[in-house]
Amino acid sequence: SRQGEVLSDERTKRIGAYGTTYSWVLTLVLILTFLWLDFLGLASFNLQGTLLVLLFTMLISARIFQWYLFRQGDVA
């Protein structure tokens, strides 16, 4: 394998899946927060801005969760 390349095994696949799952949960919480803020009249959002925030939240949080879980060593 190339230097710096992480070999794929069950642990790395599991960590990747957990990191992605945590990212989805965070994104769903953000969607619900946006809905409640709009419903209560506390904020209004345009579609383009909202979609960009959600997209970047999903991408960045997935990498952060995976990085954190790799540093922990494994997931239960």
PDB file of N, CA and C in Angstrom:
ATOM      1  N   SER A   1       0.836  -1.191   0.000  1.00  0.00           N
ATOM      2  CA  SER A   1       0.000   0.000   0.000  1.00  0.00           C
ATOM      3  C   SER A   1       0.875   1.248   0.000  1.00  0.00           C
ATOM      4  N   ARG A   2       0.302   2.340  -0.437  1.00  0.00           N
ATOM      5  CA  ARG A   2       1.040   3.600  -0.483  1.00  0.00           C
ATOM      6  C   ARG A   2       1.198   4.152   0.925  1.00  0.00           C
ATOM      7  N   GLN A   3       2.242   4.928   1.106  1.00  0.00           N
ATOM      8  CA  GLN A   3       2.491   5.517   2.411  1.00  0.00           C
ATOM      9  C   GLN A   3       1.376   6.498   2.763  1.00  0.00           C
ATOM     10  N   GLY A   4       0.873   6.423   3.999  1.00  0.00           N
ATOM     11  CA  GLY A   4      -0.186   7.299   4.457  1.00  0.00           C
ATOM     12  C   GLY A   4      -1.577   6.815   4.123  1.00  0.00           C
ATOM     13  N   GLU A   5      -1.691   5.757   3.355  1.00  0.00           N
ATOM     14  CA  GLU A   5      -3.001   5.229   2.971  1.00  0.00           C
ATOM     15  C   GLU A   5      -3.510   4.300   4.068  1.00  0.00           C
ATOM     16  N   VAL A   6      -4.745   4.491   4.479  1.00  0.00           N
ATOM     17  CA  VAL A   6      -5.347   3.654   5.512  1.00  0.00           C
ATOM     18  C   VAL A   6      -5.925   2.414   4.851  1.00  0.00           C
ATOM     19  N   LEU A   7      -5.531   1.261   5.368  1.00  0.00           N
ATOM     20  CA  LEU A   7      -6.077   0.019   4.837  1.00  0.00           C
ATOM     21  C   LEU A   7      -7.512  -0.143   5.301  1.00  0.00           C
ATOM     22  N   SER A   8      -8.360  -0.641   4.446  1.00  0.00           N
ATOM     23  CA  SER A   8      -9.764  -0.827   4.784  1.00  0.00           C
ATOM     24  C   SER A   8      -9.951  -2.191   5.436  1.00  0.00           C
ATOM     25  N   ASP A   9     -10.495  -2.172   6.634  1.00  0.00           N
ATOM     26  CA  ASP A   9     -10.850  -3.406   7.317  1.00  0.00           C
ATOM     27  C   ASP A   9     -12.193  -3.187   8.004  1.00  0.00           C
ATOM     28  N   GLU A  10     -12.631  -4.168   8.793  1.00  0.00           N
ATOM     29  CA  GLU A  10     -13.939  -4.030   9.439  1.00  0.00           C
ATOM     30  C   GLU A  10     -13.996  -2.829  10.370  1.00  0.00           C
ATOM     31  N   ARG A  11     -12.894  -2.555  11.086  1.00  0.00           N
ATOM     32  CA  ARG A  11     -12.869  -1.433  12.020  1.00  0.00           C
ATOM     33  C   ARG A  11     -13.002  -0.104  11.277  1.00  0.00           C
ATOM     34  N   THR A  12     -12.251   0.078  10.202  1.00  0.00           N
ATOM     35  CA  THR A  12     -12.320   1.345   9.473  1.00  0.00           C
ATOM     36  C   THR A  12     -13.677   1.519   8.796  1.00  0.00           C
ATOM     37  N   LYS A  13     -14.255   0.439   8.300  1.00  0.00           N
ATOM     38  CA  LYS A  13     -15.596   0.531   7.704  1.00  0.00           C
ATOM     39  C   LYS A  13     -16.632   0.890   8.766  1.00  0.00           C
ATOM     40  N   ARG A  14     -16.501   0.288   9.959  1.00  0.00           N
ATOM     41  CA  ARG A  14     -17.447   0.562  11.044  1.00  0.00           C
ATOM     42  C   ARG A  14     -17.322   2.017  11.499  1.00  0.00           C
ATOM     43  N   ILE A  15     -16.089   2.493  11.635  1.00  0.00           N
ATOM     44  CA  ILE A  15     -15.873   3.888  12.030  1.00  0.00           C
ATOM     45  C   ILE A  15     -16.444   4.831  10.975  1.00  0.00           C
ATOM     46  N   GLY A  16     -16.234   4.518   9.701  1.00  0.00           N
ATOM     47  CA  GLY A  16     -16.797   5.337   8.632  1.00  0.00           C
ATOM     48  C   GLY A  16     -18.310   5.380   8.683  1.00  0.00           C
ATOM     49  N   ALA A  17     -18.920   4.225   8.945  1.00  0.00           N
ATOM     50  CA  ALA A  17     -20.382   4.154   9.018  1.00  0.00           C
ATOM     51  C   ALA A  17     -20.910   4.930  10.221  1.00  0.00           C
ATOM     52  N   TYR A  18     -20.257   4.800  11.368  1.00  0.00           N
ATOM     53  CA  TYR A  18     -20.700   5.526  12.558  1.00  0.00           C
ATOM     54  C   TYR A  18     -20.531   7.030  12.369  1.00  0.00           C
ATOM     55  N   GLY A  19     -19.401   7.450  11.809  1.00  0.00           N
ATOM     56  CA  GLY A  19     -19.177   8.877  11.566  1.00  0.00           C
ATOM     57  C   GLY A  19     -20.223   9.462  10.643  1.00  0.00           C
ATOM     58  N   THR A  20     -20.573   8.721   9.600  1.00  0.00           N
ATOM     59  CA  THR A  20     -21.608   9.172   8.667  1.00  0.00           C
ATOM     60  C   THR A  20     -22.971   9.211   9.345  1.00  0.00           C
ATOM     61  N   THR A  21     -23.259   8.210  10.168  1.00  0.00           N
ATOM     62  CA  THR A  21     -24.536   8.171  10.887  1.00  0.00           C
ATOM     63  C   THR A  21     -24.661   9.350  11.839  1.00  0.00           C
ATOM     64  N   TYR A  22     -23.599   9.638  12.596  1.00  0.00           N
ATOM     65  CA  TYR A  22     -23.631  10.786  13.502  1.00  0.00           C
ATOM     66  C   TYR A  22     -23.831  12.084  12.724  1.00  0.00           C
ATOM     67  N   SER A  23     -23.233  12.174  11.554  1.00  0.00           N
ATOM     68  CA  SER A  23     -23.396  13.351  10.707  1.00  0.00           C
ATOM     69  C   SER A  23     -24.850  13.518  10.270  1.00  0.00           C
ATOM     70  N   TRP A  24     -25.494  12.411   9.887  1.00  0.00           N
ATOM     71  CA  TRP A  24     -26.909  12.458   9.494  1.00  0.00           C
ATOM     72  C   TRP A  24     -27.774  12.914  10.665  1.00  0.00           C
ATOM     73  N   VAL A  25     -27.500  12.404  11.860  1.00  0.00           N
ATOM     74  CA  VAL A  25     -28.287  12.791  13.035  1.00  0.00           C
ATOM     75  C   VAL A  25     -28.117  14.284  13.305  1.00  0.00           C
ATOM     76  N   LEU A  26     -26.884  14.773  13.255  1.00  0.00           N
ATOM     77  CA  LEU A  26     -26.638  16.200  13.455  1.00  0.00           C
ATOM     78  C   LEU A  26     -27.372  17.033  12.412  1.00  0.00           C
ATOM     79  N   THR A  27     -27.350  16.588  11.166  1.00  0.00           N
ATOM     80  CA  THR A  27     -28.033  17.310  10.092  1.00  0.00           C
ATOM     81  C   THR A  27     -29.542  17.311  10.306  1.00  0.00           C
ATOM     82  N   LEU A  28     -30.104  16.192  10.754  1.00  0.00           N
ATOM     83  CA  LEU A  28     -31.543  16.146  11.046  1.00  0.00           C
ATOM     84  C   LEU A  28     -31.910  17.095  12.182  1.00  0.00           C
ATOM     85  N   VAL A  29     -31.072  17.175  13.200  1.00  0.00           N
ATOM     86  CA  VAL A  29     -31.311  18.120  14.294  1.00  0.00           C
ATOM     87  C   VAL A  29     -31.269  19.550  13.758  1.00  0.00           C
ATOM     88  N   LEU A  30     -30.331  19.835  12.869  1.00  0.00           N
ATOM     89  CA  LEU A  30     -30.239  21.169  12.269  1.00  0.00           C
ATOM     90  C   LEU A  30     -31.477  21.485  11.430  1.00  0.00           C
ATOM     91  N   ILE A  31     -31.962  20.509  10.661  1.00  0.00           N
ATOM     92  CA  ILE A  31     -33.186  20.701   9.867  1.00  0.00           C
ATOM     93  C   ILE A  31     -34.363  21.014  10.783  1.00  0.00           C
ATOM     94  N   LEU A  32     -34.504  20.239  11.869  1.00  0.00           N
ATOM     95  CA  LEU A  32     -35.600  20.489  12.816  1.00  0.00           C
ATOM     96  C   LEU A  32     -35.465  21.862  13.466  1.00  0.00           C
ATOM     97  N   THR A  33     -34.234  22.275  13.758  1.00  0.00           N
ATOM     98  CA  THR A  33     -34.010  23.608  14.323  1.00  0.00           C
ATOM     99  C   THR A  33     -34.439  24.688  13.338  1.00  0.00           C
ATOM    100  N   PHE A  34     -34.050  24.533  12.070  1.00  0.00           N
ATOM    101  CA  PHE A  34     -34.476  25.489  11.042  1.00  0.00           C
ATOM    102  C   PHE A  34     -35.997  25.540  10.938  1.00  0.00           C
ATOM    103  N   LEU A  35     -36.640  24.370  10.953  1.00  0.00           N
ATOM    104  CA  LEU A  35     -38.105  24.325  10.858  1.00  0.00           C
ATOM    105  C   LEU A  35     -38.763  25.052  12.024  1.00  0.00           C
ATOM    106  N   TRP A  36     -38.273  24.806  13.234  1.00  0.00           N
ATOM    107  CA  TRP A  36     -38.858  25.454  14.404  1.00  0.00           C
ATOM    108  C   TRP A  36     -38.606  26.959  14.399  1.00  0.00           C
ATOM    109  N   LEU A  37     -37.408  27.380  14.018  1.00  0.00           N
ATOM    110  CA  LEU A  37     -37.126  28.813  13.949  1.00  0.00           C
ATOM    111  C   LEU A  37     -38.043  29.505  12.948  1.00  0.00           C
ATOM    112  N   ASP A  38     -38.285  28.860  11.814  1.00  0.00           N
ATOM    113  CA  ASP A  38     -39.189  29.415  10.810  1.00  0.00           C
ATOM    114  C   ASP A  38     -40.631  29.389  11.306  1.00  0.00           C
ATOM    115  N   PHE A  39     -41.047  28.271  11.890  1.00  0.00           N
ATOM    116  CA  PHE A  39     -42.419  28.115  12.377  1.00  0.00           C
ATOM    117  C   PHE A  39     -42.749  29.153  13.450  1.00  0.00           C
ATOM    118  N   LEU A  40     -41.797  29.420  14.340  1.00  0.00           N
ATOM    119  CA  LEU A  40     -42.019  30.381  15.419  1.00  0.00           C
ATOM    120  C   LEU A  40     -41.807  31.824  14.970  1.00  0.00           C
ATOM    121  N   GLY A  41     -41.381  32.014  13.722  1.00  0.00           N
ATOM    122  CA  GLY A  41     -41.174  33.357  13.200  1.00  0.00           C
ATOM    123  C   GLY A  41     -39.914  34.026  13.714  1.00  0.00           C
ATOM    124  N   LEU A  42     -38.983  33.253  14.253  1.00  0.00           N
ATOM    125  CA  LEU A  42     -37.751  33.816  14.795  1.00  0.00           C
ATOM    126  C   LEU A  42     -36.703  34.064  13.716  1.00  0.00           C
ATOM    127  N   ALA A  43     -36.840  33.395  12.588  1.00  0.00           N
ATOM    128  CA  ALA A  43     -35.899  33.571  11.479  1.00  0.00           C
ATOM    129  C   ALA A  43     -36.578  33.117  10.198  1.00  0.00           C
ATOM    130  N   SER A  44     -36.120  33.662   9.096  1.00  0.00           N
ATOM    131  CA  SER A  44     -36.591  33.172   7.798  1.00  0.00           C
ATOM    132  C   SER A  44     -35.358  32.836   6.968  1.00  0.00           C
ATOM    133  N   PHE A  45     -35.479  31.809   6.167  1.00  0.00           N
ATOM    134  CA  PHE A  45     -34.335  31.290   5.426  1.00  0.00           C
ATOM    135  C   PHE A  45     -34.663  31.245   3.948  1.00  0.00           C
ATOM    136  N   ASN A  46     -33.651  31.495   3.112  1.00  0.00           N
ATOM    137  CA  ASN A  46     -33.860  31.269   1.686  1.00  0.00           C
ATOM    138  C   ASN A  46     -33.368  29.857   1.363  1.00  0.00           C
ATOM    139  N   LEU A  47     -33.898  29.292   0.313  1.00  0.00           N
ATOM    140  CA  LEU A  47     -33.618  27.899  -0.016  1.00  0.00           C
ATOM    141  C   LEU A  47     -32.144  27.660  -0.307  1.00  0.00           C
ATOM    142  N   GLN A  48     -31.532  28.513  -1.113  1.00  0.00           N
ATOM    143  CA  GLN A  48     -30.139  28.307  -1.505  1.00  0.00           C
ATOM    144  C   GLN A  48     -29.209  28.326  -0.293  1.00  0.00           C
ATOM    145  N   GLY A  49     -29.377  29.295   0.571  1.00  0.00           N
ATOM    146  CA  GLY A  49     -28.532  29.390   1.764  1.00  0.00           C
ATOM    147  C   GLY A  49     -28.722  28.212   2.699  1.00  0.00           C
ATOM    148  N   THR A  50     -29.973  27.810   2.868  1.00  0.00           N
ATOM    149  CA  THR A  50     -30.275  26.681   3.746  1.00  0.00           C
ATOM    150  C   THR A  50     -29.654  25.396   3.222  1.00  0.00           C
ATOM    151  N   LEU A  51     -29.793  25.152   1.923  1.00  0.00           N
ATOM    152  CA  LEU A  51     -29.217  23.938   1.343  1.00  0.00           C
ATOM    153  C   LEU A  51     -27.695  23.934   1.447  1.00  0.00           C
ATOM    154  N   LEU A  52     -27.061  25.085   1.254  1.00  0.00           N
ATOM    155  CA  LEU A  52     -25.605  25.162   1.392  1.00  0.00           C
ATOM    156  C   LEU A  52     -25.163  24.861   2.820  1.00  0.00           C
ATOM    157  N   VAL A  53     -25.867  25.427   3.798  1.00  0.00           N
ATOM    158  CA  VAL A  53     -25.534  25.156   5.201  1.00  0.00           C
ATOM    159  C   VAL A  53     -25.686  23.673   5.506  1.00  0.00           C
ATOM    160  N   LEU A  54     -26.778  23.068   5.042  1.00  0.00           N
ATOM    161  CA  LEU A  54     -27.000  21.642   5.290  1.00  0.00           C
ATOM    162  C   LEU A  54     -25.937  20.779   4.609  1.00  0.00           C
ATOM    163  N   LEU A  55     -25.600  21.106   3.368  1.00  0.00           N
ATOM    164  CA  LEU A  55     -24.595  20.335   2.638  1.00  0.00           C
ATOM    165  C   LEU A  55     -23.241  20.395   3.336  1.00  0.00           C
ATOM    166  N   PHE A  56     -22.797  21.604   3.671  1.00  0.00           N
ATOM    167  CA  PHE A  56     -21.500  21.730   4.325  1.00  0.00           C
ATOM    168  C   PHE A  56     -21.503  21.114   5.720  1.00  0.00           C
ATOM    169  N   THR A  57     -22.628  21.211   6.425  1.00  0.00           N
ATOM    170  CA  THR A  57     -22.731  20.565   7.735  1.00  0.00           C
ATOM    171  C   THR A  57     -22.547  19.062   7.602  1.00  0.00           C
ATOM    172  N   MET A  58     -23.212  18.461   6.614  1.00  0.00           N
ATOM    173  CA  MET A  58     -23.096  17.014   6.419  1.00  0.00           C
ATOM    174  C   MET A  58     -21.663  16.623   6.075  1.00  0.00           C
ATOM    175  N   LEU A  59     -21.057  17.314   5.127  1.00  0.00           N
ATOM    176  CA  LEU A  59     -19.712  16.948   4.676  1.00  0.00           C
ATOM    177  C   LEU A  59     -18.663  17.148   5.766  1.00  0.00           C
ATOM    178  N   ILE A  60     -18.681  18.310   6.379  1.00  0.00           N
ATOM    179  CA  ILE A  60     -17.659  18.628   7.373  1.00  0.00           C
ATOM    180  C   ILE A  60     -17.846  17.802   8.638  1.00  0.00           C
ATOM    181  N   SER A  61     -19.088  17.659   9.108  1.00  0.00           N
ATOM    182  CA  SER A  61     -19.301  16.901  10.343  1.00  0.00           C
ATOM    183  C   SER A  61     -18.981  15.423  10.160  1.00  0.00           C
ATOM    184  N   ALA A  62     -19.225  14.861   8.986  1.00  0.00           N
ATOM    185  CA  ALA A  62     -18.878  13.453   8.747  1.00  0.00           C
ATOM    186  C   ALA A  62     -17.371  13.264   8.895  1.00  0.00           C
ATOM    187  N   ARG A  63     -16.587  14.160   8.310  1.00  0.00           N
ATOM    188  CA  ARG A  63     -15.124  14.050   8.417  1.00  0.00           C
ATOM    189  C   ARG A  63     -14.659  14.240   9.855  1.00  0.00           C
ATOM    190  N   ILE A  64     -15.266  15.193  10.563  1.00  0.00           N
ATOM    191  CA  ILE A  64     -14.872  15.443  11.957  1.00  0.00           C
ATOM    192  C   ILE A  64     -15.225  14.246  12.830  1.00  0.00           C
ATOM    193  N   PHE A  65     -16.432  13.710  12.688  1.00  0.00           N
ATOM    194  CA  PHE A  65     -16.815  12.532  13.482  1.00  0.00           C
ATOM    195  C   PHE A  65     -15.912  11.343  13.172  1.00  0.00           C
ATOM    196  N   GLN A  66     -15.603  11.111  11.901  1.00  0.00           N
ATOM    197  CA  GLN A  66     -14.729   9.993  11.534  1.00  0.00           C
ATOM    198  C   GLN A  66     -13.324  10.204  12.091  1.00  0.00           C
ATOM    199  N   TRP A  67     -12.807  11.410  11.993  1.00  0.00           N
ATOM    200  CA  TRP A  67     -11.489  11.720  12.549  1.00  0.00           C
ATOM    201  C   TRP A  67     -11.483  11.442  14.050  1.00  0.00           C
ATOM    202  N   TYR A  68     -12.521  11.913  14.756  1.00  0.00           N
ATOM    203  CA  TYR A  68     -12.608  11.710  16.200  1.00  0.00           C
ATOM    204  C   TYR A  68     -12.670  10.222  16.542  1.00  0.00           C
ATOM    205  N   LEU A  69     -13.495   9.470  15.828  1.00  0.00           N
ATOM    206  CA  LEU A  69     -13.632   8.042  16.113  1.00  0.00           C
ATOM    207  C   LEU A  69     -12.347   7.282  15.797  1.00  0.00           C
ATOM    208  N   PHE A  70     -11.631   7.663  14.746  1.00  0.00           N
ATOM    209  CA  PHE A  70     -10.336   7.031  14.457  1.00  0.00           C
ATOM    210  C   PHE A  70      -9.352   7.289  15.589  1.00  0.00           C
ATOM    211  N   ARG A  71      -9.378   8.494  16.155  1.00  0.00           N
ATOM    212  CA  ARG A  71      -8.487   8.805  17.279  1.00  0.00           C
ATOM    213  C   ARG A  71      -8.849   7.993  18.511  1.00  0.00           C
ATOM    214  N   GLN A  72     -10.147   7.674  18.682  1.00  0.00           N
ATOM    215  CA  GLN A  72     -10.577   6.862  19.822  1.00  0.00           C
ATOM    216  C   GLN A  72     -10.148   5.407  19.658  1.00  0.00           C
ATOM    217  N   GLY A  73      -9.977   4.958  18.431  1.00  0.00           N
ATOM    218  CA  GLY A  73      -9.489   3.610  18.185  1.00  0.00           C
ATOM    219  C   GLY A  73     -10.534   2.649  17.679  1.00  0.00           C
ATOM    220  N   ASP A  74     -11.762   2.744  18.166  1.00  0.00           N
ATOM    221  CA  ASP A  74     -12.823   1.836  17.721  1.00  0.00           C
ATOM    222  C   ASP A  74     -14.155   2.368  18.233  1.00  0.00           C
ATOM    223  N   VAL A  75     -15.225   1.796  17.724  1.00  0.00           N
ATOM    224  CA  VAL A  75     -16.560   2.147  18.187  1.00  0.00           C
ATOM    225  C   VAL A  75     -17.191   0.912  18.800  1.00  0.00           C
ATOM    226  N   ALA A  76     -18.028   1.132  19.785  1.00  0.00           N
ATOM    227  CA  ALA A  76     -18.649  -0.005  20.485  1.00  0.00           C
ATOM    228  C   ALA A  76     -19.877  -0.498  19.767  1.00  0.00           C
TER     229      ALA A  76
END
